[in-house]
Amino acid sequence: MLTYILRRLLVAIPTLILISIVIFLLVDLAPGSPASEIPLTVPPEVRARILESLGVNEPIHVRYLLWAKQFFWTEPLHGIDAAFGTDWAGDSQRLISYQSRVPVFAYIWQRLPQTLTVIGSAYLLAVLIALPIGIYSAYRQYSWFDQVGTFVSMIGFSVPTFFTGLLMIMLFTTKLGLFPSIFDTNLRVTDWSSFLKMLHQMTLPVVVLALFNAAEISRYTRSSVLENLGLDYVRTARAKGLSERKVILKHVLRNSLIPVVTVIALGMPTIFAGAIVTEQVFKINGIGAALIGAIVANDLPVVVTIAFITAVLIVFFNLIADILYGILDPRIRYD
């Protein structure tokens, strides 16, 4: 297993380097320039000095190498300095946002709590809801529970989140006045009262995202469990006199979770990237909103950094999913 993990990590290095080059080229060659954000009243010589300070006049390969150096070397050193009080980074130039003129990682770190709080809670809730629904729907195939679950899942997965979000706002905010439609990013949880306020304002975006994610995961779970219920080893386990509970939870569920683990693992990076549309609907000042703002402002360092971190997380959780395969199914070996 250790040899397999090391081999996968070594393969991931050139893969991530290639991904970073592709992302950088796509963002850099896209129409637009940081100069469009500079007011027209700024004198040309001042405009030229601003663009020179941003480094946008350098050749594209120089700008990529500078970004790679700052991302892989300078920023980790600054992180170590901040954590342990050292001075390894010195006065080295950090990765700076064109738009806000602050370090990109500090900018992302500032937005991360909102995204993890809302998107992470929604994804966790979706998994906790989807797995039992999918399992029971498969076990009680064509029952009223299965029919209702299939109908709700179809709607939840088919209707886009922006429509569901707006519908929730119209019903529970405009009509009933039960929940706020705008997420207060300045709220900090310091006591029980502020915790309840946070739960109150999180309700609508969490429900919208949980419904969408739970619909997908429950369908995969149901399909996988149904496939395993008809196999020979299930009939053998029942013939040996095992209870239905033990047959489902010990035998069927373990083998059925392999494709479900893939879906869940590949969905984990979206927690970092943020649900862009939902964050816009509920005015959540998270990573998704930061990415949209950076794209509009042609803020290349922020766009490339967020996109590349998401790619790293996808590669990492792919590896986690592969490791879990071997745990769930002893027949899978990585020797």
C-alpha atoms as a PDB file:
ATOM      1  CA  MET A   1       0.000   0.000   0.000  1.00  0.00           C
ATOM      2  CA  LEU A   2       2.794   2.438   0.898  1.00  0.00           C
ATOM      3  CA  THR A   3       4.566   1.723  -2.400  1.00  0.00           C
ATOM      4  CA  TYR A   4       1.327   2.370  -4.286  1.00  0.00           C
ATOM      5  CA  ILE A   5       0.754   5.688  -2.475  1.00  0.00           C
ATOM      6  CA  LEU A   6       4.311   6.843  -3.190  1.00  0.00           C
ATOM      7  CA  ARG A   7       3.964   5.829  -6.832  1.00  0.00           C
ATOM      8  CA  ARG A   8       0.696   7.742  -7.152  1.00  0.00           C
ATOM      9  CA  LEU A   9       2.232  10.813  -5.531  1.00  0.00           C
ATOM     10  CA  LEU A  10       5.178  10.706  -7.928  1.00  0.00           C
ATOM     11  CA  VAL A  11       2.808  10.427 -10.892  1.00  0.00           C
ATOM     12  CA  ALA A  12       0.762  13.321  -9.504  1.00  0.00           C
ATOM     13  CA  ILE A  13       3.726  15.728  -9.615  1.00  0.00           C
ATOM     14  CA  PRO A  14       4.038  16.015 -13.435  1.00  0.00           C
ATOM     15  CA  THR A  15       0.240  15.833 -13.703  1.00  0.00           C
ATOM     16  CA  LEU A  16      -0.188  18.854 -11.424  1.00  0.00           C
ATOM     17  CA  ILE A  17       2.593  20.756 -13.174  1.00  0.00           C
ATOM     18  CA  LEU A  18       0.852  20.205 -16.513  1.00  0.00           C
ATOM     19  CA  ILE A  19      -2.480  21.230 -14.983  1.00  0.00           C
ATOM     20  CA  SER A  20      -0.954  24.424 -13.589  1.00  0.00           C
ATOM     21  CA  ILE A  21       0.482  25.312 -17.016  1.00  0.00           C
ATOM     22  CA  VAL A  22      -2.852  24.696 -18.747  1.00  0.00           C
ATOM     23  CA  ILE A  23      -4.784  26.724 -16.167  1.00  0.00           C
ATOM     24  CA  PHE A  24      -2.292  29.596 -16.339  1.00  0.00           C
ATOM     25  CA  LEU A  25      -2.362  29.694 -20.136  1.00  0.00           C
ATOM     26  CA  LEU A  26      -6.163  29.544 -20.307  1.00  0.00           C
ATOM     27  CA  VAL A  27      -6.583  32.383 -17.808  1.00  0.00           C
ATOM     28  CA  ASP A  28      -3.740  34.472 -19.181  1.00  0.00           C
ATOM     29  CA  LEU A  29      -4.787  34.186 -22.822  1.00  0.00           C
ATOM     30  CA  ALA A  30      -8.451  34.936 -22.058  1.00  0.00           C
ATOM     31  CA  PRO A  31      -9.749  38.353 -23.187  1.00  0.00           C
ATOM     32  CA  GLY A  32      -9.305  41.180 -20.694  1.00  0.00           C
ATOM     33  CA  SER A  33      -6.496  42.814 -18.778  1.00  0.00           C
ATOM     34  CA  PRO A  34      -5.895  44.228 -15.283  1.00  0.00           C
ATOM     35  CA  ALA A  35      -5.554  47.583 -17.035  1.00  0.00           C
ATOM     36  CA  SER A  36      -9.332  47.639 -17.530  1.00  0.00           C
ATOM     37  CA  GLU A  37      -9.755  48.049 -13.756  1.00  0.00           C
ATOM     38  CA  ILE A  38      -7.574  51.182 -13.653  1.00  0.00           C
ATOM     39  CA  PRO A  39      -9.697  54.373 -13.857  1.00  0.00           C
ATOM     40  CA  LEU A  40      -9.432  56.305 -17.116  1.00  0.00           C
ATOM     41  CA  THR A  41      -8.535  59.434 -15.157  1.00  0.00           C
ATOM     42  CA  VAL A  42      -5.167  57.924 -14.180  1.00  0.00           C
ATOM     43  CA  PRO A  43      -2.330  59.488 -16.254  1.00  0.00           C
ATOM     44  CA  PRO A  44      -0.693  57.159 -18.814  1.00  0.00           C
ATOM     45  CA  GLU A  45       2.711  57.207 -17.082  1.00  0.00           C
ATOM     46  CA  VAL A  46       1.104  56.251 -13.766  1.00  0.00           C
ATOM     47  CA  ARG A  47      -0.897  53.525 -15.519  1.00  0.00           C
ATOM     48  CA  ALA A  48       2.309  52.152 -17.037  1.00  0.00           C
ATOM     49  CA  ARG A  49       4.026  52.071 -13.618  1.00  0.00           C
ATOM     50  CA  ILE A  50       1.027  50.276 -12.092  1.00  0.00           C
ATOM     51  CA  LEU A  51       1.071  47.602 -14.803  1.00  0.00           C
ATOM     52  CA  GLU A  52       4.846  47.235 -14.421  1.00  0.00           C
ATOM     53  CA  SER A  53       4.462  46.720 -10.672  1.00  0.00           C
ATOM     54  CA  LEU A  54       1.899  43.984 -11.369  1.00  0.00           C
ATOM     55  CA  GLY A  55       4.330  42.238 -13.698  1.00  0.00           C
ATOM     56  CA  VAL A  56       1.827  41.972 -16.547  1.00  0.00           C
ATOM     57  CA  ASN A  57       4.293  43.313 -19.111  1.00  0.00           C
ATOM     58  CA  GLU A  58       6.649  40.359 -18.692  1.00  0.00           C
ATOM     59  CA  PRO A  59       6.625  37.460 -21.203  1.00  0.00           C
ATOM     60  CA  ILE A  60       4.120  34.751 -20.419  1.00  0.00           C
ATOM     61  CA  HIS A  61       6.718  32.119 -19.493  1.00  0.00           C
ATOM     62  CA  VAL A  62       8.374  34.549 -17.059  1.00  0.00           C
ATOM     63  CA  ARG A  63       5.025  35.290 -15.428  1.00  0.00           C
ATOM     64  CA  TYR A  64       4.244  31.573 -15.081  1.00  0.00           C
ATOM     65  CA  LEU A  65       7.622  30.800 -13.520  1.00  0.00           C
ATOM     66  CA  LEU A  66       7.204  33.731 -11.130  1.00  0.00           C
ATOM     67  CA  TRP A  67       3.739  32.477 -10.120  1.00  0.00           C
ATOM     68  CA  ALA A  68       5.054  28.914  -9.671  1.00  0.00           C
ATOM     69  CA  LYS A  69       7.956  30.145  -7.517  1.00  0.00           C
ATOM     70  CA  GLN A  70       5.654  32.212  -5.340  1.00  0.00           C
ATOM     71  CA  PHE A  71       3.040  29.431  -5.040  1.00  0.00           C
ATOM     72  CA  PHE A  72       5.341  26.471  -4.360  1.00  0.00           C
ATOM     73  CA  TRP A  73       8.181  28.184  -2.492  1.00  0.00           C
ATOM     74  CA  THR A  74       7.526  31.706  -1.219  1.00  0.00           C
ATOM     75  CA  GLU A  75       4.009  31.210   0.148  1.00  0.00           C
ATOM     76  CA  PRO A  76       4.850  27.989   2.069  1.00  0.00           C
ATOM     77  CA  LEU A  77       7.801  29.810   3.661  1.00  0.00           C
ATOM     78  CA  HIS A  78       5.542  32.674   4.703  1.00  0.00           C
ATOM     79  CA  GLY A  79       3.132  30.123   6.159  1.00  0.00           C
ATOM     80  CA  ILE A  80       5.937  28.504   8.172  1.00  0.00           C
ATOM     81  CA  ASP A  81       7.077  31.935   9.382  1.00  0.00           C
ATOM     82  CA  ALA A  82       3.552  32.806  10.508  1.00  0.00           C
ATOM     83  CA  ALA A  83       3.141  29.475  12.313  1.00  0.00           C
ATOM     84  CA  PHE A  84       6.513  29.226  14.066  1.00  0.00           C
ATOM     85  CA  GLY A  85       7.742  32.816  14.206  1.00  0.00           C
ATOM     86  CA  THR A  86      10.736  32.214  11.916  1.00  0.00           C
ATOM     87  CA  ASP A  87      12.033  34.468   9.155  1.00  0.00           C
ATOM     88  CA  TRP A  88      12.838  32.066   6.344  1.00  0.00           C
ATOM     89  CA  ALA A  89      10.849  33.968   3.714  1.00  0.00           C
ATOM     90  CA  GLY A  90      12.546  37.294   4.458  1.00  0.00           C
ATOM     91  CA  ASP A  91      11.481  40.092   2.117  1.00  0.00           C
ATOM     92  CA  SER A  92      10.624  37.790  -0.800  1.00  0.00           C
ATOM     93  CA  GLN A  93       7.740  38.956  -2.985  1.00  0.00           C
ATOM     94  CA  ARG A  94       4.476  37.208  -2.177  1.00  0.00           C
ATOM     95  CA  LEU A  95       1.724  36.233  -4.589  1.00  0.00           C
ATOM     96  CA  ILE A  96      -0.334  39.448  -4.762  1.00  0.00           C
ATOM     97  CA  SER A  97      -3.892  39.922  -5.995  1.00  0.00           C
ATOM     98  CA  TYR A  98      -4.208  42.430  -8.829  1.00  0.00           C
ATOM     99  CA  GLN A  99      -7.574  43.585  -7.535  1.00  0.00           C
ATOM    100  CA  SER A 100      -7.173  43.896  -3.758  1.00  0.00           C
ATOM    101  CA  ARG A 101      -3.357  44.245  -3.618  1.00  0.00           C
ATOM    102  CA  VAL A 102      -3.172  41.790  -0.709  1.00  0.00           C
ATOM    103  CA  PRO A 103      -1.469  38.378  -0.644  1.00  0.00           C
ATOM    104  CA  VAL A 104      -3.624  35.831  -2.482  1.00  0.00           C
ATOM    105  CA  PHE A 105      -3.390  33.190   0.245  1.00  0.00           C
ATOM    106  CA  ALA A 106      -4.407  35.732   2.897  1.00  0.00           C
ATOM    107  CA  TYR A 107      -7.328  36.729   0.667  1.00  0.00           C
ATOM    108  CA  ILE A 108      -8.412  33.093   0.260  1.00  0.00           C
ATOM    109  CA  TRP A 109      -7.892  32.349   3.959  1.00  0.00           C
ATOM    110  CA  GLN A 110     -10.191  35.247   4.809  1.00  0.00           C
ATOM    111  CA  ARG A 111     -12.979  33.804   2.642  1.00  0.00           C
ATOM    112  CA  LEU A 112     -12.464  30.149   3.570  1.00  0.00           C
ATOM    113  CA  PRO A 113     -14.446  30.014   6.863  1.00  0.00           C
ATOM    114  CA  GLN A 114     -17.693  31.100   5.170  1.00  0.00           C
ATOM    115  CA  THR A 115     -17.305  28.476   2.454  1.00  0.00           C
ATOM    116  CA  LEU A 116     -16.385  25.667   4.851  1.00  0.00           C
ATOM    117  CA  THR A 117     -19.220  26.586   7.207  1.00  0.00           C
ATOM    118  CA  VAL A 118     -21.988  26.644   4.618  1.00  0.00           C
ATOM    119  CA  ILE A 119     -20.795  24.372   1.804  1.00  0.00           C
ATOM    120  CA  GLY A 120     -19.129  21.883   4.138  1.00  0.00           C
ATOM    121  CA  SER A 121     -22.220  21.615   6.346  1.00  0.00           C
ATOM    122  CA  ALA A 122     -24.434  21.162   3.299  1.00  0.00           C
ATOM    123  CA  TYR A 123     -22.241  18.378   1.888  1.00  0.00           C
ATOM    124  CA  LEU A 124     -22.041  16.573   5.227  1.00  0.00           C
ATOM    125  CA  LEU A 125     -25.804  16.808   5.635  1.00  0.00           C
ATOM    126  CA  ALA A 126     -26.293  15.527   2.077  1.00  0.00           C
ATOM    127  CA  VAL A 127     -24.155  12.437   2.730  1.00  0.00           C
ATOM    128  CA  LEU A 128     -25.902  11.676   6.039  1.00  0.00           C
ATOM    129  CA  ILE A 129     -29.306  11.931   4.350  1.00  0.00           C
ATOM    130  CA  ALA A 130     -28.508  10.257   1.028  1.00  0.00           C
ATOM    131  CA  LEU A 131     -26.883   7.034   2.244  1.00  0.00           C
ATOM    132  CA  PRO A 132     -29.799   5.711   4.361  1.00  0.00           C
ATOM    133  CA  ILE A 133     -32.354   6.874   1.795  1.00  0.00           C
ATOM    134  CA  GLY A 134     -30.496   5.167  -1.051  1.00  0.00           C
ATOM    135  CA  ILE A 135     -30.038   1.934   0.924  1.00  0.00           C
ATOM    136  CA  TYR A 136     -33.634   1.696   2.076  1.00  0.00           C
ATOM    137  CA  SER A 137     -34.981   2.648  -1.362  1.00  0.00           C
ATOM    138  CA  ALA A 138     -33.048  -0.240  -2.904  1.00  0.00           C
ATOM    139  CA  TYR A 139     -34.117  -2.661  -0.197  1.00  0.00           C
ATOM    140  CA  ARG A 140     -37.776  -1.635  -0.609  1.00  0.00           C
ATOM    141  CA  GLN A 141     -37.682  -1.346  -4.389  1.00  0.00           C
ATOM    142  CA  TYR A 142     -40.909   0.008  -5.965  1.00  0.00           C
ATOM    143  CA  SER A 143     -42.430   0.706  -2.542  1.00  0.00           C
ATOM    144  CA  TRP A 144     -44.034   4.069  -1.801  1.00  0.00           C
ATOM    145  CA  PHE A 145     -40.830   5.132  -0.047  1.00  0.00           C
ATOM    146  CA  ASP A 146     -38.789   4.285  -3.132  1.00  0.00           C
ATOM    147  CA  GLN A 147     -41.225   6.088  -5.420  1.00  0.00           C
ATOM    148  CA  VAL A 148     -41.215   9.234  -3.286  1.00  0.00           C
ATOM    149  CA  GLY A 149     -37.430   9.112  -2.920  1.00  0.00           C
ATOM    150  CA  THR A 150     -36.968   8.718  -6.676  1.00  0.00           C
ATOM    151  CA  PHE A 151     -39.333  11.613  -7.404  1.00  0.00           C
ATOM    152  CA  VAL A 152     -37.672  13.959  -4.901  1.00  0.00           C
ATOM    153  CA  SER A 153     -34.186  12.970  -6.081  1.00  0.00           C
ATOM    154  CA  MET A 154     -35.144  13.569  -9.710  1.00  0.00           C
ATOM    155  CA  ILE A 155     -36.420  17.046  -8.866  1.00  0.00           C
ATOM    156  CA  GLY A 156     -33.467  17.836  -6.595  1.00  0.00           C
ATOM    157  CA  PHE A 157     -30.913  16.842  -9.218  1.00  0.00           C
ATOM    158  CA  SER A 158     -32.725  18.298 -12.226  1.00  0.00           C
ATOM    159  CA  VAL A 159     -33.652  21.736 -10.892  1.00  0.00           C
ATOM    160  CA  PRO A 160     -30.634  24.104 -10.833  1.00  0.00           C
ATOM    161  CA  THR A 161     -29.578  25.463  -7.454  1.00  0.00           C
ATOM    162  CA  PHE A 162     -30.126  29.090  -8.434  1.00  0.00           C
ATOM    163  CA  PHE A 163     -33.809  28.337  -9.137  1.00  0.00           C
ATOM    164  CA  THR A 164     -34.199  26.367  -5.902  1.00  0.00           C
ATOM    165  CA  GLY A 165     -32.471  29.150  -3.994  1.00  0.00           C
ATOM    166  CA  LEU A 166     -34.676  31.873  -5.423  1.00  0.00           C
ATOM    167  CA  LEU A 167     -37.759  29.730  -4.762  1.00  0.00           C
ATOM    168  CA  MET A 168     -36.691  29.266  -1.134  1.00  0.00           C
ATOM    169  CA  ILE A 169     -36.129  33.013  -0.756  1.00  0.00           C
ATOM    170  CA  MET A 170     -39.538  33.846  -2.222  1.00  0.00           C
ATOM    171  CA  LEU A 171     -41.317  31.329   0.024  1.00  0.00           C
ATOM    172  CA  PHE A 172     -39.472  31.435   3.343  1.00  0.00           C
ATOM    173  CA  THR A 173     -38.152  35.020   3.273  1.00  0.00           C
ATOM    174  CA  THR A 174     -40.540  37.142   1.213  1.00  0.00           C
ATOM    175  CA  LYS A 175     -43.805  35.343   1.997  1.00  0.00           C
ATOM    176  CA  LEU A 176     -43.268  33.828   5.446  1.00  0.00           C
ATOM    177  CA  GLY A 177     -40.373  35.930   6.751  1.00  0.00           C
ATOM    178  CA  LEU A 178     -38.820  32.942   8.540  1.00  0.00           C
ATOM    179  CA  PHE A 179     -35.209  33.073   7.293  1.00  0.00           C
ATOM    180  CA  PRO A 180     -32.868  35.804   6.024  1.00  0.00           C
ATOM    181  CA  SER A 181     -31.985  35.847   2.336  1.00  0.00           C
ATOM    182  CA  ILE A 182     -28.534  37.434   2.796  1.00  0.00           C
ATOM    183  CA  PHE A 183     -25.735  35.689   4.685  1.00  0.00           C
ATOM    184  CA  ASP A 184     -24.093  37.937   7.304  1.00  0.00           C
ATOM    185  CA  THR A 185     -20.374  37.238   6.878  1.00  0.00           C
ATOM    186  CA  ASN A 186     -19.499  39.503   9.822  1.00  0.00           C
ATOM    187  CA  LEU A 187     -21.294  37.253  12.314  1.00  0.00           C
ATOM    188  CA  ARG A 188     -18.889  35.417  14.603  1.00  0.00           C
ATOM    189  CA  VAL A 189     -19.879  32.514  16.838  1.00  0.00           C
ATOM    190  CA  THR A 190     -18.864  33.446  20.382  1.00  0.00           C
ATOM    191  CA  ASP A 191     -21.768  32.141  22.457  1.00  0.00           C
ATOM    192  CA  TRP A 192     -24.957  30.101  22.229  1.00  0.00           C
ATOM    193  CA  SER A 193     -26.995  33.050  20.945  1.00  0.00           C
ATOM    194  CA  SER A 194     -24.604  33.783  18.066  1.00  0.00           C
ATOM    195  CA  PHE A 195     -24.471  30.047  17.279  1.00  0.00           C
ATOM    196  CA  LEU A 196     -28.259  29.959  16.896  1.00  0.00           C
ATOM    197  CA  LYS A 197     -28.109  33.058  14.673  1.00  0.00           C
ATOM    198  CA  MET A 198     -25.507  31.327  12.495  1.00  0.00           C
ATOM    199  CA  LEU A 199     -27.691  28.229  12.175  1.00  0.00           C
ATOM    200  CA  HIS A 200     -30.664  30.431  11.341  1.00  0.00           C
ATOM    201  CA  GLN A 201     -28.947  32.230   8.470  1.00  0.00           C
ATOM    202  CA  MET A 202     -27.309  29.030   7.200  1.00  0.00           C
ATOM    203  CA  THR A 203     -30.603  27.170   6.854  1.00  0.00           C
ATOM    204  CA  LEU A 204     -31.646  28.192   3.331  1.00  0.00           C
ATOM    205  CA  PRO A 205     -28.280  27.820   1.517  1.00  0.00           C
ATOM    206  CA  VAL A 206     -27.522  24.566   3.341  1.00  0.00           C
ATOM    207  CA  VAL A 207     -30.919  23.086   2.448  1.00  0.00           C
ATOM    208  CA  VAL A 208     -30.560  24.132  -1.212  1.00  0.00           C
ATOM    209  CA  LEU A 209     -27.104  22.552  -1.577  1.00  0.00           C
ATOM    210  CA  ALA A 210     -27.909  19.491   0.537  1.00  0.00           C
ATOM    211  CA  LEU A 211     -30.962  18.713  -1.605  1.00  0.00           C
ATOM    212  CA  PHE A 212     -28.899  18.878  -4.795  1.00  0.00           C
ATOM    213  CA  ASN A 213     -25.995  16.768  -3.491  1.00  0.00           C
ATOM    214  CA  ALA A 214     -28.194  14.275  -1.650  1.00  0.00           C
ATOM    215  CA  ALA A 215     -30.193  13.644  -4.830  1.00  0.00           C
ATOM    216  CA  GLU A 216     -27.054  12.587  -6.707  1.00  0.00           C
ATOM    217  CA  ILE A 217     -25.519  10.495  -3.922  1.00  0.00           C
ATOM    218  CA  SER A 218     -28.784   8.714  -3.067  1.00  0.00           C
ATOM    219  CA  ARG A 219     -29.303   7.672  -6.711  1.00  0.00           C
ATOM    220  CA  TYR A 220     -25.795   6.198  -6.925  1.00  0.00           C
ATOM    221  CA  THR A 221     -26.300   4.441  -3.590  1.00  0.00           C
ATOM    222  CA  ARG A 222     -29.648   2.960  -4.627  1.00  0.00           C
ATOM    223  CA  SER A 223     -28.289   1.744  -7.961  1.00  0.00           C
ATOM    224  CA  SER A 224     -25.210   0.168  -6.394  1.00  0.00           C
ATOM    225  CA  VAL A 225     -27.174  -1.569  -3.614  1.00  0.00           C
ATOM    226  CA  LEU A 226     -29.727  -2.899  -6.113  1.00  0.00           C
ATOM    227  CA  GLU A 227     -26.932  -4.350  -8.232  1.00  0.00           C
ATOM    228  CA  ASN A 228     -25.444  -6.186  -5.248  1.00  0.00           C
ATOM    229  CA  LEU A 229     -28.766  -7.442  -3.863  1.00  0.00           C
ATOM    230  CA  GLY A 230     -29.175  -9.731  -6.861  1.00  0.00           C
ATOM    231  CA  LEU A 231     -25.732 -11.346  -6.656  1.00  0.00           C
ATOM    232  CA  ASP A 232     -25.006 -14.906  -5.563  1.00  0.00           C
ATOM    233  CA  TYR A 233     -23.179 -14.054  -2.342  1.00  0.00           C
ATOM    234  CA  VAL A 234     -26.318 -12.319  -0.999  1.00  0.00           C
ATOM    235  CA  ARG A 235     -28.449 -15.388  -1.677  1.00  0.00           C
ATOM    236  CA  THR A 236     -25.781 -17.532  -0.016  1.00  0.00           C
ATOM    237  CA  ALA A 237     -25.733 -15.293   3.072  1.00  0.00           C
ATOM    238  CA  ARG A 238     -29.520 -15.498   3.338  1.00  0.00           C
ATOM    239  CA  ALA A 239     -29.434 -19.267   2.830  1.00  0.00           C
ATOM    240  CA  LYS A 240     -27.019 -19.560   5.754  1.00  0.00           C
ATOM    241  CA  GLY A 241     -29.699 -18.000   7.960  1.00  0.00           C
ATOM    242  CA  LEU A 242     -28.199 -14.566   8.470  1.00  0.00           C
ATOM    243  CA  SER A 243     -30.633 -11.832   9.439  1.00  0.00           C
ATOM    244  CA  GLU A 244     -31.607  -9.246   6.832  1.00  0.00           C
ATOM    245  CA  ARG A 245     -29.950  -6.551   8.922  1.00  0.00           C
ATOM    246  CA  LYS A 246     -26.624  -8.383   8.872  1.00  0.00           C
ATOM    247  CA  VAL A 247     -26.936  -9.233   5.172  1.00  0.00           C
ATOM    248  CA  ILE A 248     -27.551  -5.605   4.223  1.00  0.00           C
ATOM    249  CA  LEU A 249     -25.164  -3.823   6.584  1.00  0.00           C
ATOM    250  CA  LYS A 250     -22.286  -6.314   6.669  1.00  0.00           C
ATOM    251  CA  HIS A 251     -22.277  -7.782   3.160  1.00  0.00           C
ATOM    252  CA  VAL A 252     -24.266  -5.683   0.688  1.00  0.00           C
ATOM    253  CA  LEU A 253     -23.408  -2.220   1.991  1.00  0.00           C
ATOM    254  CA  ARG A 254     -19.662  -2.768   2.081  1.00  0.00           C
ATOM    255  CA  ASN A 255     -19.504  -3.837  -1.562  1.00  0.00           C
ATOM    256  CA  SER A 256     -22.023  -1.206  -2.648  1.00  0.00           C
ATOM    257  CA  LEU A 257     -20.055   1.689  -1.193  1.00  0.00           C
ATOM    258  CA  ILE A 258     -17.183   1.423  -3.685  1.00  0.00           C
ATOM    259  CA  PRO A 259     -18.800   3.510  -6.485  1.00  0.00           C
ATOM    260  CA  VAL A 260     -20.464   5.750  -3.884  1.00  0.00           C
ATOM    261  CA  VAL A 261     -17.081   6.530  -2.326  1.00  0.00           C
ATOM    262  CA  THR A 262     -15.922   7.776  -5.727  1.00  0.00           C
ATOM    263  CA  VAL A 263     -18.851  10.167  -6.010  1.00  0.00           C
ATOM    264  CA  ILE A 264     -18.408  11.458  -2.458  1.00  0.00           C
ATOM    265  CA  ALA A 265     -14.631  11.834  -2.783  1.00  0.00           C
ATOM    266  CA  LEU A 266     -14.818  13.716  -6.075  1.00  0.00           C
ATOM    267  CA  GLY A 267     -17.414  16.027  -4.552  1.00  0.00           C
ATOM    268  CA  MET A 268     -15.170  16.981  -1.632  1.00  0.00           C
ATOM    269  CA  PRO A 269     -13.080  19.545  -3.603  1.00  0.00           C
ATOM    270  CA  THR A 270     -16.268  21.493  -4.298  1.00  0.00           C
ATOM    271  CA  ILE A 271     -16.305  22.354  -0.598  1.00  0.00           C
ATOM    272  CA  PHE A 272     -13.166  24.434  -1.163  1.00  0.00           C
ATOM    273  CA  ALA A 273     -14.160  25.847  -4.525  1.00  0.00           C
ATOM    274  CA  GLY A 274     -17.528  26.785  -3.093  1.00  0.00           C
ATOM    275  CA  ALA A 275     -20.922  26.532  -4.701  1.00  0.00           C
ATOM    276  CA  ILE A 276     -20.449  29.562  -6.930  1.00  0.00           C
ATOM    277  CA  VAL A 277     -24.084  30.004  -7.918  1.00  0.00           C
ATOM    278  CA  THR A 278     -25.467  29.466  -4.416  1.00  0.00           C
ATOM    279  CA  GLU A 279     -22.964  31.876  -2.904  1.00  0.00           C
ATOM    280  CA  GLN A 280     -24.084  34.498  -5.376  1.00  0.00           C
ATOM    281  CA  VAL A 281     -27.778  33.912  -4.661  1.00  0.00           C
ATOM    282  CA  PHE A 282     -27.414  34.183  -0.874  1.00  0.00           C
ATOM    283  CA  LYS A 283     -24.579  36.760  -0.951  1.00  0.00           C
ATOM    284  CA  ILE A 284     -22.137  34.483   0.863  1.00  0.00           C
ATOM    285  CA  ASN A 285     -18.705  36.079   0.800  1.00  0.00           C
ATOM    286  CA  GLY A 286     -16.865  32.808   0.236  1.00  0.00           C
ATOM    287  CA  ILE A 287     -14.366  31.265  -2.178  1.00  0.00           C
ATOM    288  CA  GLY A 288     -16.919  31.017  -4.990  1.00  0.00           C
ATOM    289  CA  ALA A 289     -17.752  34.721  -4.738  1.00  0.00           C
ATOM    290  CA  ALA A 290     -14.030  35.523  -4.655  1.00  0.00           C
ATOM    291  CA  LEU A 291     -13.491  33.482  -7.819  1.00  0.00           C
ATOM    292  CA  ILE A 292     -16.313  35.266  -9.657  1.00  0.00           C
ATOM    293  CA  GLY A 293     -14.988  38.666  -8.575  1.00  0.00           C
ATOM    294  CA  ALA A 294     -11.477  37.735  -9.679  1.00  0.00           C
ATOM    295  CA  ILE A 295     -12.701  36.555 -13.098  1.00  0.00           C
ATOM    296  CA  VAL A 296     -14.637  39.794 -13.632  1.00  0.00           C
ATOM    297  CA  ALA A 297     -11.612  41.885 -12.601  1.00  0.00           C
ATOM    298  CA  ASN A 298      -9.141  39.753 -14.635  1.00  0.00           C
ATOM    299  CA  ASP A 299      -7.278  38.995 -11.397  1.00  0.00           C
ATOM    300  CA  LEU A 300      -5.040  36.248 -12.761  1.00  0.00           C
ATOM    301  CA  PRO A 301      -3.195  35.305  -9.515  1.00  0.00           C
ATOM    302  CA  VAL A 302      -6.450  34.686  -7.623  1.00  0.00           C
ATOM    303  CA  VAL A 303      -8.146  32.765 -10.458  1.00  0.00           C
ATOM    304  CA  VAL A 304      -5.142  30.546 -11.159  1.00  0.00           C
ATOM    305  CA  THR A 305      -4.483  29.888  -7.467  1.00  0.00           C
ATOM    306  CA  ILE A 306      -8.073  28.883  -6.651  1.00  0.00           C
ATOM    307  CA  ALA A 307      -8.347  26.730  -9.776  1.00  0.00           C
ATOM    308  CA  PHE A 308      -5.027  25.008  -9.103  1.00  0.00           C
ATOM    309  CA  ILE A 309      -5.782  24.324  -5.422  1.00  0.00           C
ATOM    310  CA  THR A 310      -9.066  22.749  -6.554  1.00  0.00           C
ATOM    311  CA  ALA A 311      -7.126  20.559  -9.004  1.00  0.00           C
ATOM    312  CA  VAL A 312      -4.740  19.500  -6.217  1.00  0.00           C
ATOM    313  CA  LEU A 313      -7.686  18.552  -4.022  1.00  0.00           C
ATOM    314  CA  ILE A 314      -9.230  16.503  -6.846  1.00  0.00           C
ATOM    315  CA  VAL A 315      -5.993  14.535  -7.281  1.00  0.00           C
ATOM    316  CA  PHE A 316      -5.682  14.085  -3.509  1.00  0.00           C
ATOM    317  CA  PHE A 317      -9.243  12.842  -2.973  1.00  0.00           C
ATOM    318  CA  ASN A 318      -8.895  10.517  -5.956  1.00  0.00           C
ATOM    319  CA  LEU A 319      -6.007   8.932  -4.082  1.00  0.00           C
ATOM    320  CA  ILE A 320      -8.093   8.764  -0.893  1.00  0.00           C
ATOM    321  CA  ALA A 321     -10.894   7.036  -2.826  1.00  0.00           C
ATOM    322  CA  ASP A 322      -8.453   4.452  -4.217  1.00  0.00           C
ATOM    323  CA  ILE A 323      -7.155   3.715  -0.715  1.00  0.00           C
ATOM    324  CA  LEU A 324     -10.705   3.298   0.596  1.00  0.00           C
ATOM    325  CA  TYR A 325     -11.407   0.792  -2.197  1.00  0.00           C
ATOM    326  CA  GLY A 326      -8.829  -1.555  -0.690  1.00  0.00           C
ATOM    327  CA  ILE A 327     -10.324  -1.133   2.785  1.00  0.00           C
ATOM    328  CA  LEU A 328     -13.890  -1.795   1.625  1.00  0.00           C
ATOM    329  CA  ASP A 329     -13.031  -4.698  -0.675  1.00  0.00           C
ATOM    330  CA  PRO A 330     -10.171  -6.974   0.508  1.00  0.00           C
ATOM    331  CA  ARG A 331      -9.931  -8.450  -3.017  1.00  0.00           C
ATOM    332  CA  ILE A 332      -8.461  -5.149  -4.259  1.00  0.00           C
ATOM    333  CA  ARG A 333      -4.691  -5.128  -3.812  1.00  0.00           C
ATOM    334  CA  TYR A 334      -2.150  -2.473  -4.784  1.00  0.00           C
ATOM    335  CA  ASP A 335       0.986  -4.620  -4.638  1.00  0.00           C
END
